[in-house]
Amino acid sequence: MKLFLILLALNLAKPDQHPGLKALKKDSGISWSFPNSGVLEMAYRSNLIENPKYQLEGSVIVDKNLLNNDPMAIGGAIMYRNKVKKNTFEAQIFNEGYKGVQVGAKSARNIYLGKKNAVNVGVVYGQHFGGPEGSSRPVLGAVVKTTL
């Protein structure tokens, strides 16, 4: 996690003289969304490396449920995207306060890409450590993402 934060800080501090660096900074930014009912997610995403074959993106994410007293979840992720093979791999870690820590990985593949829409499928695996029970449990799932 420390290495990720150092890389992100170096990326934000790099000079803007080179046109390629300006393009990377243009693709960086803060976003916010409501992924679930009452949950506010704020994220800073930045392209760390990008070329015609692949892309490496880093993000810092803060998650808060506004409807109850759940702790704020703070974490980060590194995403690798192979543009030629249309594969994506993401590794992430979240600290959820007294609820414990969750470490996970997600892999997805683009199976259809049209002019205005796309379909991606994938799998998610993670492990949750700690929390009130003090135990560990797996987190498994499938991903189907469509863009219309």
C-alpha atoms as a PDB file:
ATOM      1  CA  MET A   1       0.000   0.000   0.000  1.00  0.00           C
ATOM      2  CA  LYS A   2       2.874   2.364   0.812  1.00  0.00           C
ATOM      3  CA  LEU A   3       4.456   1.684  -2.578  1.00  0.00           C
ATOM      4  CA  PHE A   4       1.156   2.456  -4.295  1.00  0.00           C
ATOM      5  CA  LEU A   5       0.816   5.791  -2.467  1.00  0.00           C
ATOM      6  CA  ILE A   6       4.428   6.709  -3.313  1.00  0.00           C
ATOM      7  CA  LEU A   7       3.850   5.934  -7.018  1.00  0.00           C
ATOM      8  CA  LEU A   8       0.642   7.953  -6.988  1.00  0.00           C
ATOM      9  CA  ALA A   9       2.401  10.927  -5.346  1.00  0.00           C
ATOM     10  CA  LEU A  10       5.227  10.778  -7.902  1.00  0.00           C
ATOM     11  CA  ASN A  11       2.700  10.667 -10.730  1.00  0.00           C
ATOM     12  CA  LEU A  12       0.915  13.745  -9.395  1.00  0.00           C
ATOM     13  CA  ALA A  13       4.181  15.650  -8.939  1.00  0.00           C
ATOM     14  CA  LYS A  14       5.664  15.034 -12.388  1.00  0.00           C
ATOM     15  CA  PRO A  15       6.290  18.102 -14.596  1.00  0.00           C
ATOM     16  CA  ASP A  16       3.928  18.992 -17.451  1.00  0.00           C
ATOM     17  CA  GLN A  17       6.470  19.842 -20.179  1.00  0.00           C
ATOM     18  CA  HIS A  18       6.196  16.573 -22.121  1.00  0.00           C
ATOM     19  CA  PRO A  19       3.012  16.182 -24.258  1.00  0.00           C
ATOM     20  CA  GLY A  20       2.658  12.526 -23.243  1.00  0.00           C
ATOM     21  CA  LEU A  21       2.619  13.500 -19.577  1.00  0.00           C
ATOM     22  CA  LYS A  22      -0.053  16.116 -20.236  1.00  0.00           C
ATOM     23  CA  ALA A  23      -2.227  13.428 -21.851  1.00  0.00           C
ATOM     24  CA  LEU A  24      -1.846  11.189 -18.798  1.00  0.00           C
ATOM     25  CA  LYS A  25      -2.802  13.986 -16.413  1.00  0.00           C
ATOM     26  CA  LYS A  26      -5.839  14.766 -18.565  1.00  0.00           C
ATOM     27  CA  ASP A  27      -7.124  11.210 -17.973  1.00  0.00           C
ATOM     28  CA  SER A  28      -6.681  11.539 -14.191  1.00  0.00           C
ATOM     29  CA  GLY A  29      -9.242  12.932 -11.840  1.00  0.00           C
ATOM     30  CA  ILE A  30     -11.668  12.685  -8.967  1.00  0.00           C
ATOM     31  CA  SER A  31     -15.036  11.022  -9.438  1.00  0.00           C
ATOM     32  CA  TRP A  32     -17.928  10.249  -7.135  1.00  0.00           C
ATOM     33  CA  SER A  33     -20.869   7.899  -7.439  1.00  0.00           C
ATOM     34  CA  PHE A  34     -23.573   6.059  -5.511  1.00  0.00           C
ATOM     35  CA  PRO A  35     -22.826   2.358  -6.282  1.00  0.00           C
ATOM     36  CA  ASN A  36     -25.450   1.109  -3.791  1.00  0.00           C
ATOM     37  CA  SER A  37     -28.384   2.689  -1.996  1.00  0.00           C
ATOM     38  CA  GLY A  38     -27.045   5.294   0.435  1.00  0.00           C
ATOM     39  CA  VAL A  39     -23.364   4.556  -0.291  1.00  0.00           C
ATOM     40  CA  LEU A  40     -21.184   7.441  -1.476  1.00  0.00           C
ATOM     41  CA  GLU A  41     -17.955   6.467  -3.243  1.00  0.00           C
ATOM     42  CA  MET A  42     -15.256   9.021  -4.044  1.00  0.00           C
ATOM     43  CA  ALA A  43     -12.230   7.950  -6.067  1.00  0.00           C
ATOM     44  CA  TYR A  44      -9.091   9.492  -7.487  1.00  0.00           C
ATOM     45  CA  ARG A  45      -7.910   7.602 -10.560  1.00  0.00           C
ATOM     46  CA  SER A  46      -4.714   8.199 -12.494  1.00  0.00           C
ATOM     47  CA  ASN A  47      -3.063   6.579 -15.495  1.00  0.00           C
ATOM     48  CA  LEU A  48       0.400   5.551 -14.340  1.00  0.00           C
ATOM     49  CA  ILE A  49       1.543   4.059 -17.670  1.00  0.00           C
ATOM     50  CA  GLU A  50      -0.214   3.954 -21.028  1.00  0.00           C
ATOM     51  CA  ASN A  51       0.846   2.848 -24.491  1.00  0.00           C
ATOM     52  CA  PRO A  52      -0.980   1.294 -27.482  1.00  0.00           C
ATOM     53  CA  LYS A  53      -0.731  -2.243 -26.022  1.00  0.00           C
ATOM     54  CA  TYR A  54      -1.512  -1.812 -22.321  1.00  0.00           C
ATOM     55  CA  GLN A  55      -2.501   0.587 -19.563  1.00  0.00           C
ATOM     56  CA  LEU A  56      -1.669   0.671 -15.846  1.00  0.00           C
ATOM     57  CA  GLU A  57      -4.023   2.716 -13.682  1.00  0.00           C
ATOM     58  CA  GLY A  58      -3.933   3.439  -9.956  1.00  0.00           C
ATOM     59  CA  SER A  59      -6.730   4.634  -7.728  1.00  0.00           C
ATOM     60  CA  VAL A  60      -7.449   5.680  -4.162  1.00  0.00           C
ATOM     61  CA  ILE A  61     -11.045   5.070  -3.062  1.00  0.00           C
ATOM     62  CA  VAL A  62     -13.091   6.301  -0.077  1.00  0.00           C
ATOM     63  CA  ASP A  63     -16.464   4.651   0.571  1.00  0.00           C
ATOM     64  CA  LYS A  64     -19.085   5.744   3.157  1.00  0.00           C
ATOM     65  CA  ASN A  65     -22.589   4.469   3.848  1.00  0.00           C
ATOM     66  CA  LEU A  66     -24.625   7.582   4.626  1.00  0.00           C
ATOM     67  CA  LEU A  67     -27.640   5.655   5.975  1.00  0.00           C
ATOM     68  CA  ASN A  68     -26.039   3.884   8.953  1.00  0.00           C
ATOM     69  CA  ASN A  69     -23.021   3.994  11.250  1.00  0.00           C
ATOM     70  CA  ASP A  70     -20.740   1.813   9.134  1.00  0.00           C
ATOM     71  CA  PRO A  71     -17.120   3.004   9.211  1.00  0.00           C
ATOM     72  CA  MET A  72     -15.600   4.773   6.245  1.00  0.00           C
ATOM     73  CA  ALA A  73     -13.768   2.320   3.980  1.00  0.00           C
ATOM     74  CA  ILE A  74     -10.453   3.558   2.596  1.00  0.00           C
ATOM     75  CA  GLY A  75      -8.462   1.644   0.021  1.00  0.00           C
ATOM     76  CA  GLY A  76      -6.620   1.545  -3.232  1.00  0.00           C
ATOM     77  CA  ALA A  77      -6.381  -0.453  -6.416  1.00  0.00           C
ATOM     78  CA  ILE A  78      -4.009  -1.112  -9.293  1.00  0.00           C
ATOM     79  CA  MET A  79      -5.556  -2.049 -12.647  1.00  0.00           C
ATOM     80  CA  TYR A  80      -3.720  -3.535 -15.636  1.00  0.00           C
ATOM     81  CA  ARG A  81      -5.537  -3.513 -18.979  1.00  0.00           C
ATOM     82  CA  ASN A  82      -4.207  -5.345 -22.044  1.00  0.00           C
ATOM     83  CA  LYS A  83      -5.703  -3.436 -24.980  1.00  0.00           C
ATOM     84  CA  VAL A  84      -4.754  -6.048 -27.580  1.00  0.00           C
ATOM     85  CA  LYS A  85      -6.210  -9.114 -25.807  1.00  0.00           C
ATOM     86  CA  LYS A  86      -8.994  -7.062 -24.130  1.00  0.00           C
ATOM     87  CA  ASN A  87      -8.222  -8.476 -20.664  1.00  0.00           C
ATOM     88  CA  THR A  88      -8.291  -6.560 -17.393  1.00  0.00           C
ATOM     89  CA  PHE A  89      -6.761  -7.503 -14.036  1.00  0.00           C
ATOM     90  CA  GLU A  90      -7.268  -5.496 -10.848  1.00  0.00           C
ATOM     91  CA  ALA A  91      -5.864  -5.940  -7.333  1.00  0.00           C
ATOM     92  CA  GLN A  92      -7.316  -3.956  -4.442  1.00  0.00           C
ATOM     93  CA  ILE A  93      -7.238  -3.559  -0.670  1.00  0.00           C
ATOM     94  CA  PHE A  94      -9.770  -1.847   1.621  1.00  0.00           C
ATOM     95  CA  ASN A  95      -9.589  -1.040   5.325  1.00  0.00           C
ATOM     96  CA  GLU A  96     -13.127  -0.971   6.731  1.00  0.00           C
ATOM     97  CA  GLY A  97     -12.268   0.154  10.274  1.00  0.00           C
ATOM     98  CA  TYR A  98     -13.608  -2.163  12.983  1.00  0.00           C
ATOM     99  CA  LYS A  99     -15.146  -4.401  10.276  1.00  0.00           C
ATOM    100  CA  GLY A 100     -11.692  -5.560   9.125  1.00  0.00           C
ATOM    101  CA  VAL A 101      -9.627  -5.511   5.944  1.00  0.00           C
ATOM    102  CA  GLN A 102     -10.586  -6.896   2.544  1.00  0.00           C
ATOM    103  CA  VAL A 103      -8.009  -7.887  -0.084  1.00  0.00           C
ATOM    104  CA  GLY A 104      -9.192  -8.909  -3.530  1.00  0.00           C
ATOM    105  CA  ALA A 105      -8.519  -9.446  -7.198  1.00  0.00           C
ATOM    106  CA  LYS A 106     -10.745  -9.173 -10.248  1.00  0.00           C
ATOM    107  CA  SER A 107     -10.172 -10.411 -13.774  1.00  0.00           C
ATOM    108  CA  ALA A 108     -12.436  -9.544 -16.702  1.00  0.00           C
ATOM    109  CA  ARG A 109     -12.514 -10.005 -20.470  1.00  0.00           C
ATOM    110  CA  ASN A 110     -14.296  -7.991 -23.122  1.00  0.00           C
ATOM    111  CA  ILE A 111     -16.454 -10.412 -25.146  1.00  0.00           C
ATOM    112  CA  TYR A 112     -18.265  -7.859 -27.318  1.00  0.00           C
ATOM    113  CA  LEU A 113     -17.284  -4.363 -28.403  1.00  0.00           C
ATOM    114  CA  GLY A 114     -19.587  -2.360 -30.658  1.00  0.00           C
ATOM    115  CA  LYS A 115     -19.500   1.277 -31.693  1.00  0.00           C
ATOM    116  CA  LYS A 116     -21.571   2.432 -28.709  1.00  0.00           C
ATOM    117  CA  ASN A 117     -21.810  -0.605 -26.444  1.00  0.00           C
ATOM    118  CA  ALA A 118     -19.708  -3.344 -24.861  1.00  0.00           C
ATOM    119  CA  VAL A 119     -20.058  -6.487 -22.741  1.00  0.00           C
ATOM    120  CA  ASN A 120     -17.442  -7.616 -20.208  1.00  0.00           C
ATOM    121  CA  VAL A 121     -17.496 -10.781 -18.069  1.00  0.00           C
ATOM    122  CA  GLY A 122     -15.199 -11.781 -15.254  1.00  0.00           C
ATOM    123  CA  VAL A 123     -14.607 -13.219 -11.805  1.00  0.00           C
ATOM    124  CA  VAL A 124     -13.833 -11.701  -8.410  1.00  0.00           C
ATOM    125  CA  TYR A 125     -12.008 -13.357  -5.526  1.00  0.00           C
ATOM    126  CA  GLY A 126     -11.085 -11.797  -2.233  1.00  0.00           C
ATOM    127  CA  GLN A 127     -10.431 -12.518   1.395  1.00  0.00           C
ATOM    128  CA  HIS A 128     -11.854 -10.583   4.337  1.00  0.00           C
ATOM    129  CA  PHE A 129      -9.715 -10.517   7.503  1.00  0.00           C
ATOM    130  CA  GLY A 130     -10.645  -9.409  11.009  1.00  0.00           C
ATOM    131  CA  GLY A 131     -13.738  -7.596  12.139  1.00  0.00           C
ATOM    132  CA  PRO A 132     -15.963  -8.192  15.175  1.00  0.00           C
ATOM    133  CA  GLU A 133     -15.778 -11.977  14.718  1.00  0.00           C
ATOM    134  CA  GLY A 134     -12.001 -11.871  14.263  1.00  0.00           C
ATOM    135  CA  SER A 135     -12.226 -14.445  11.514  1.00  0.00           C
ATOM    136  CA  SER A 136     -11.398 -14.742   7.846  1.00  0.00           C
ATOM    137  CA  ARG A 137     -13.879 -15.445   5.058  1.00  0.00           C
ATOM    138  CA  PRO A 138     -13.661 -15.642   1.271  1.00  0.00           C
ATOM    139  CA  VAL A 139     -15.429 -13.222  -1.062  1.00  0.00           C
ATOM    140  CA  LEU A 140     -16.414 -14.764  -4.412  1.00  0.00           C
ATOM    141  CA  GLY A 141     -18.356 -13.325  -7.302  1.00  0.00           C
ATOM    142  CA  ALA A 142     -18.953 -12.930 -10.997  1.00  0.00           C
ATOM    143  CA  VAL A 143     -18.957  -9.719 -13.029  1.00  0.00           C
ATOM    144  CA  VAL A 144     -21.142  -8.914 -16.014  1.00  0.00           C
ATOM    145  CA  LYS A 145     -20.750  -5.313 -17.168  1.00  0.00           C
ATOM    146  CA  THR A 146     -22.600  -3.777 -20.088  1.00  0.00           C
ATOM    147  CA  THR A 147     -22.255  -0.337 -21.612  1.00  0.00           C
ATOM    148  CA  LEU A 148     -25.127   0.949 -23.694  1.00  0.00           C
END
